[in-house]
Amino acid sequence: MTFKIIVTAGVVAGITVDVATAASVQRGLTIARANCARCHSIDKFSESSLKIAPPFRTLHLRYPVEMLQETLAEGIVTGHPTMPEFRLDPGQIGDLACAICA
């Protein structure tokens, strides 16, 4: 009986984490659509509309995600010549990082 309770609790905890992660990814995608999608591809397949703007799906190959989070926290001034300046709060940075890594 105790084993079933522990296993059930573990499954419920896993579902809670997955739901929280999915919510963070969705919030990150909303941020990306508003601030990044004009130039960067934010999906898994399409090319970026601005050729010098790397697709989000490849950012982790070019930069450690922790470095991107630090850069976002400091406020990106420019990543490419036409990139607008914007600032994100720590929660938004985490959400955007989740979306980039998803």
N, C-alpha and C. Protein backbone atom coordinates (compact mmCIF):
# COMPACT_ATOMS: atom_id res chain seq x y z
N MET A 1 0.83 -1.20 0.00
CA MET A 1 0.00 0.00 0.00
C MET A 1 0.87 1.26 0.00
N THR A 2 1.91 1.29 0.84
CA THR A 2 2.78 2.45 0.92
C THR A 2 3.47 2.69 -0.42
N PHE A 3 3.91 1.62 -1.09
CA PHE A 3 4.57 1.75 -2.38
C PHE A 3 3.64 2.39 -3.40
N LYS A 4 2.38 2.00 -3.44
CA LYS A 4 1.42 2.58 -4.38
C LYS A 4 1.24 4.07 -4.12
N ILE A 5 1.19 4.45 -2.86
CA ILE A 5 1.03 5.87 -2.51
C ILE A 5 2.24 6.66 -2.97
N ILE A 6 3.44 6.13 -2.75
CA ILE A 6 4.66 6.82 -3.16
C ILE A 6 4.72 6.95 -4.68
N VAL A 7 4.41 5.87 -5.39
CA VAL A 7 4.42 5.92 -6.84
C VAL A 7 3.39 6.91 -7.34
N THR A 8 2.18 6.88 -6.78
CA THR A 8 1.14 7.82 -7.20
C THR A 8 1.56 9.25 -6.93
N ALA A 9 2.15 9.51 -5.78
CA ALA A 9 2.61 10.86 -5.46
C ALA A 9 3.69 11.30 -6.45
N GLY A 10 4.57 10.38 -6.83
CA GLY A 10 5.62 10.72 -7.80
C GLY A 10 5.04 11.03 -9.16
N VAL A 11 4.05 10.28 -9.58
CA VAL A 11 3.40 10.54 -10.87
C VAL A 11 2.70 11.88 -10.84
N VAL A 12 1.97 12.18 -9.77
CA VAL A 12 1.28 13.46 -9.65
C VAL A 12 2.29 14.60 -9.64
N ALA A 13 3.40 14.45 -8.92
CA ALA A 13 4.43 15.49 -8.90
C ALA A 13 5.01 15.70 -10.29
N GLY A 14 5.23 14.61 -11.03
CA GLY A 14 5.75 14.73 -12.39
C GLY A 14 4.79 15.46 -13.31
N ILE A 15 3.50 15.20 -13.17
CA ILE A 15 2.49 15.89 -13.98
C ILE A 15 2.47 17.37 -13.63
N THR A 16 2.60 17.70 -12.36
CA THR A 16 2.61 19.10 -11.93
C THR A 16 3.79 19.83 -12.54
N VAL A 17 4.98 19.21 -12.53
CA VAL A 17 6.17 19.83 -13.11
C VAL A 17 5.97 20.01 -14.62
N ASP A 18 5.44 18.98 -15.30
CA ASP A 18 5.22 19.09 -16.74
C ASP A 18 4.24 20.21 -17.08
N VAL A 19 3.18 20.35 -16.28
CA VAL A 19 2.20 21.42 -16.52
C VAL A 19 2.86 22.78 -16.30
N ALA A 20 3.67 22.90 -15.25
CA ALA A 20 4.36 24.16 -14.98
C ALA A 20 5.34 24.49 -16.09
N THR A 21 6.07 23.49 -16.58
CA THR A 21 7.01 23.71 -17.67
C THR A 21 6.28 24.11 -18.94
N ALA A 22 5.18 23.42 -19.23
CA ALA A 22 4.40 23.75 -20.43
C ALA A 22 3.86 25.18 -20.35
N ALA A 23 3.42 25.59 -19.17
CA ALA A 23 2.92 26.96 -19.00
C ALA A 23 4.05 27.96 -19.21
N SER A 24 5.24 27.65 -18.70
CA SER A 24 6.39 28.54 -18.87
C SER A 24 6.77 28.65 -20.35
N VAL A 25 6.76 27.53 -21.06
CA VAL A 25 7.05 27.53 -22.49
C VAL A 25 6.04 28.39 -23.23
N GLN A 26 4.76 28.25 -22.90
CA GLN A 26 3.73 29.04 -23.58
C GLN A 26 3.90 30.53 -23.31
N ARG A 27 4.23 30.89 -22.06
CA ARG A 27 4.48 32.31 -21.76
C ARG A 27 5.70 32.79 -22.54
N GLY A 28 6.74 31.96 -22.63
CA GLY A 28 7.94 32.32 -23.38
C GLY A 28 7.65 32.50 -24.86
N LEU A 29 6.80 31.64 -25.42
CA LEU A 29 6.44 31.80 -26.83
C LEU A 29 5.65 33.08 -27.07
N THR A 30 4.82 33.46 -26.11
CA THR A 30 4.09 34.72 -26.23
C THR A 30 5.06 35.90 -26.26
N ILE A 31 6.06 35.86 -25.40
CA ILE A 31 7.10 36.90 -25.39
C ILE A 31 7.86 36.89 -26.71
N ALA A 32 8.21 35.70 -27.19
CA ALA A 32 8.96 35.59 -28.45
C ALA A 32 8.13 36.11 -29.63
N ARG A 33 6.84 35.80 -29.65
CA ARG A 33 5.99 36.30 -30.74
C ARG A 33 5.94 37.83 -30.74
N ALA A 34 5.86 38.41 -29.55
CA ALA A 34 5.74 39.86 -29.43
C ALA A 34 7.06 40.58 -29.73
N ASN A 35 8.19 39.98 -29.39
CA ASN A 35 9.47 40.69 -29.47
C ASN A 35 10.46 40.15 -30.49
N CYS A 36 10.29 38.91 -30.94
CA CYS A 36 11.35 38.26 -31.69
C CYS A 36 10.93 37.69 -33.05
N ALA A 37 9.67 37.30 -33.17
CA ALA A 37 9.22 36.53 -34.33
C ALA A 37 9.24 37.32 -35.64
N ARG A 38 9.31 38.63 -35.55
CA ARG A 38 9.38 39.42 -36.78
C ARG A 38 10.64 39.08 -37.57
N CYS A 39 11.71 38.72 -36.87
CA CYS A 39 12.98 38.43 -37.53
C CYS A 39 13.42 36.97 -37.36
N HIS A 40 13.20 36.41 -36.17
CA HIS A 40 13.66 35.05 -35.85
C HIS A 40 12.54 34.04 -36.06
N SER A 41 12.92 32.86 -36.55
CA SER A 41 11.99 31.74 -36.53
C SER A 41 11.90 31.27 -35.08
N ILE A 42 10.69 31.15 -34.56
CA ILE A 42 10.54 30.66 -33.19
C ILE A 42 9.91 29.27 -33.17
N ASP A 43 9.75 28.66 -34.35
CA ASP A 43 9.20 27.31 -34.39
C ASP A 43 10.31 26.31 -34.71
N LYS A 44 9.94 25.08 -34.90
CA LYS A 44 10.93 24.02 -35.11
C LYS A 44 11.32 23.81 -36.57
N PHE A 45 10.67 24.51 -37.51
CA PHE A 45 10.88 24.17 -38.91
C PHE A 45 11.22 25.34 -39.84
N SER A 46 10.56 26.47 -39.66
CA SER A 46 10.70 27.54 -40.65
C SER A 46 12.03 28.28 -40.51
N GLU A 47 12.38 28.94 -41.60
CA GLU A 47 13.58 29.77 -41.61
C GLU A 47 13.24 31.14 -41.03
N SER A 48 14.24 31.81 -40.49
CA SER A 48 14.03 33.17 -39.99
C SER A 48 13.77 34.10 -41.17
N SER A 49 12.86 35.05 -41.00
CA SER A 49 12.57 35.98 -42.08
C SER A 49 13.76 36.91 -42.35
N LEU A 50 14.55 37.21 -41.34
CA LEU A 50 15.78 37.98 -41.49
C LEU A 50 16.94 36.98 -41.44
N LYS A 51 17.63 36.82 -42.54
CA LYS A 51 18.64 35.76 -42.65
C LYS A 51 19.72 35.81 -41.58
N ILE A 52 20.09 37.01 -41.09
CA ILE A 52 21.14 37.09 -40.07
C ILE A 52 20.61 36.81 -38.66
N ALA A 53 19.30 36.66 -38.52
CA ALA A 53 18.70 36.36 -37.22
C ALA A 53 18.56 34.85 -37.08
N PRO A 54 19.34 34.23 -36.21
CA PRO A 54 19.29 32.77 -36.14
C PRO A 54 17.94 32.27 -35.62
N PRO A 55 17.49 31.13 -36.12
CA PRO A 55 16.26 30.54 -35.57
C PRO A 55 16.46 30.20 -34.09
N PHE A 56 15.42 30.34 -33.30
CA PHE A 56 15.52 30.03 -31.88
C PHE A 56 15.97 28.60 -31.64
N ARG A 57 15.55 27.69 -32.52
CA ARG A 57 15.88 26.28 -32.31
C ARG A 57 17.37 26.00 -32.37
N THR A 58 18.17 26.96 -32.89
CA THR A 58 19.62 26.77 -32.98
C THR A 58 20.40 27.62 -31.97
N LEU A 59 19.72 28.45 -31.22
CA LEU A 59 20.45 29.35 -30.31
C LEU A 59 21.27 28.58 -29.29
N HIS A 60 20.75 27.47 -28.77
CA HIS A 60 21.49 26.70 -27.77
C HIS A 60 22.76 26.07 -28.37
N LEU A 61 22.82 25.95 -29.69
CA LEU A 61 24.01 25.42 -30.34
C LEU A 61 25.09 26.50 -30.48
N ARG A 62 24.66 27.76 -30.51
CA ARG A 62 25.59 28.88 -30.69
C ARG A 62 26.03 29.49 -29.36
N TYR A 63 25.13 29.47 -28.39
CA TYR A 63 25.37 30.13 -27.11
C TYR A 63 24.85 29.24 -25.98
N PRO A 64 25.59 29.14 -24.88
CA PRO A 64 25.02 28.44 -23.72
C PRO A 64 23.77 29.19 -23.26
N VAL A 65 22.71 28.46 -22.94
CA VAL A 65 21.45 29.10 -22.55
C VAL A 65 21.65 30.00 -21.33
N GLU A 66 22.52 29.60 -20.41
CA GLU A 66 22.80 30.44 -19.23
C GLU A 66 23.35 31.80 -19.66
N MET A 67 24.17 31.80 -20.72
CA MET A 67 24.73 33.05 -21.22
C MET A 67 23.62 33.91 -21.83
N LEU A 68 22.70 33.28 -22.53
CA LEU A 68 21.57 34.02 -23.09
C LEU A 68 20.72 34.62 -21.99
N GLN A 69 20.50 33.85 -20.91
CA GLN A 69 19.71 34.36 -19.81
C GLN A 69 20.39 35.58 -19.18
N GLU A 70 21.70 35.52 -19.01
CA GLU A 70 22.44 36.65 -18.44
C GLU A 70 22.34 37.86 -19.37
N THR A 71 22.49 37.64 -20.67
CA THR A 71 22.39 38.73 -21.64
C THR A 71 21.00 39.35 -21.61
N LEU A 72 19.96 38.50 -21.54
CA LEU A 72 18.60 39.01 -21.45
C LEU A 72 18.38 39.80 -20.17
N ALA A 73 18.98 39.34 -19.08
CA ALA A 73 18.83 40.03 -17.79
C ALA A 73 19.48 41.41 -17.83
N GLU A 74 20.58 41.53 -18.54
CA GLU A 74 21.28 42.81 -18.65
C GLU A 74 20.60 43.74 -19.66
N GLY A 75 19.76 43.17 -20.49
CA GLY A 75 19.06 43.95 -21.51
C GLY A 75 19.81 43.88 -22.82
N ILE A 76 19.26 43.18 -23.77
CA ILE A 76 19.90 43.09 -25.08
C ILE A 76 19.81 44.45 -25.74
N VAL A 77 20.93 44.97 -26.12
CA VAL A 77 20.94 46.23 -26.86
C VAL A 77 20.87 45.91 -28.35
N THR A 78 21.68 45.00 -28.79
CA THR A 78 21.59 44.57 -30.19
C THR A 78 22.27 43.22 -30.35
N GLY A 79 21.61 42.34 -31.05
CA GLY A 79 22.17 41.04 -31.37
C GLY A 79 22.48 40.99 -32.86
N HIS A 80 21.74 41.77 -33.61
CA HIS A 80 21.98 41.98 -35.03
C HIS A 80 21.56 43.42 -35.31
N PRO A 81 21.99 44.01 -36.41
CA PRO A 81 21.80 45.45 -36.63
C PRO A 81 20.36 45.97 -36.52
N THR A 82 19.39 45.16 -36.86
CA THR A 82 18.00 45.66 -36.83
C THR A 82 17.24 45.20 -35.58
N MET A 83 17.94 44.60 -34.62
CA MET A 83 17.27 44.08 -33.43
C MET A 83 16.87 45.21 -32.50
N PRO A 84 15.59 45.24 -32.11
CA PRO A 84 15.15 46.30 -31.19
C PRO A 84 15.65 46.04 -29.77
N GLU A 85 15.77 47.10 -29.00
CA GLU A 85 16.14 46.96 -27.60
C GLU A 85 14.88 46.68 -26.79
N PHE A 86 14.96 45.72 -25.89
CA PHE A 86 13.85 45.46 -24.98
C PHE A 86 14.40 44.87 -23.70
N ARG A 87 13.64 44.99 -22.63
CA ARG A 87 14.03 44.46 -21.32
C ARG A 87 12.95 43.52 -20.83
N LEU A 88 13.42 42.47 -20.13
CA LEU A 88 12.51 41.47 -19.56
C LEU A 88 12.78 41.35 -18.08
N ASP A 89 11.72 41.02 -17.32
CA ASP A 89 11.93 40.77 -15.90
C ASP A 89 12.42 39.33 -15.72
N PRO A 90 12.92 38.96 -14.53
CA PRO A 90 13.50 37.63 -14.34
C PRO A 90 12.54 36.48 -14.71
N GLY A 91 11.26 36.60 -14.39
CA GLY A 91 10.30 35.56 -14.75
C GLY A 91 10.15 35.41 -16.25
N GLN A 92 10.12 36.54 -16.94
CA GLN A 92 10.02 36.51 -18.41
C GLN A 92 11.27 35.90 -19.03
N ILE A 93 12.42 36.18 -18.46
CA ILE A 93 13.67 35.61 -18.95
C ILE A 93 13.64 34.09 -18.83
N GLY A 94 13.20 33.59 -17.69
CA GLY A 94 13.09 32.15 -17.51
C GLY A 94 12.11 31.52 -18.48
N ASP A 95 10.98 32.19 -18.69
CA ASP A 95 9.98 31.69 -19.63
C ASP A 95 10.52 31.66 -21.06
N LEU A 96 11.20 32.74 -21.45
CA LEU A 96 11.76 32.79 -22.80
C LEU A 96 12.83 31.72 -22.98
N ALA A 97 13.65 31.49 -21.96
CA ALA A 97 14.66 30.43 -22.01
C ALA A 97 13.99 29.07 -22.16
N CYS A 98 12.89 28.85 -21.46
CA CYS A 98 12.14 27.58 -21.61
C CYS A 98 11.65 27.42 -23.03
N ALA A 99 11.16 28.50 -23.62
CA ALA A 99 10.66 28.44 -24.99
C ALA A 99 11.78 28.17 -25.97
N ILE A 100 12.95 28.74 -25.75
CA ILE A 100 14.09 28.53 -26.63
C ILE A 100 14.54 27.07 -26.57
N CYS A 101 14.53 26.51 -25.38
CA CYS A 101 15.01 25.13 -25.20
C CYS A 101 13.96 24.07 -25.50
N ALA A 102 12.72 24.49 -25.69
CA ALA A 102 11.64 23.49 -25.90
C ALA A 102 11.73 22.84 -27.25
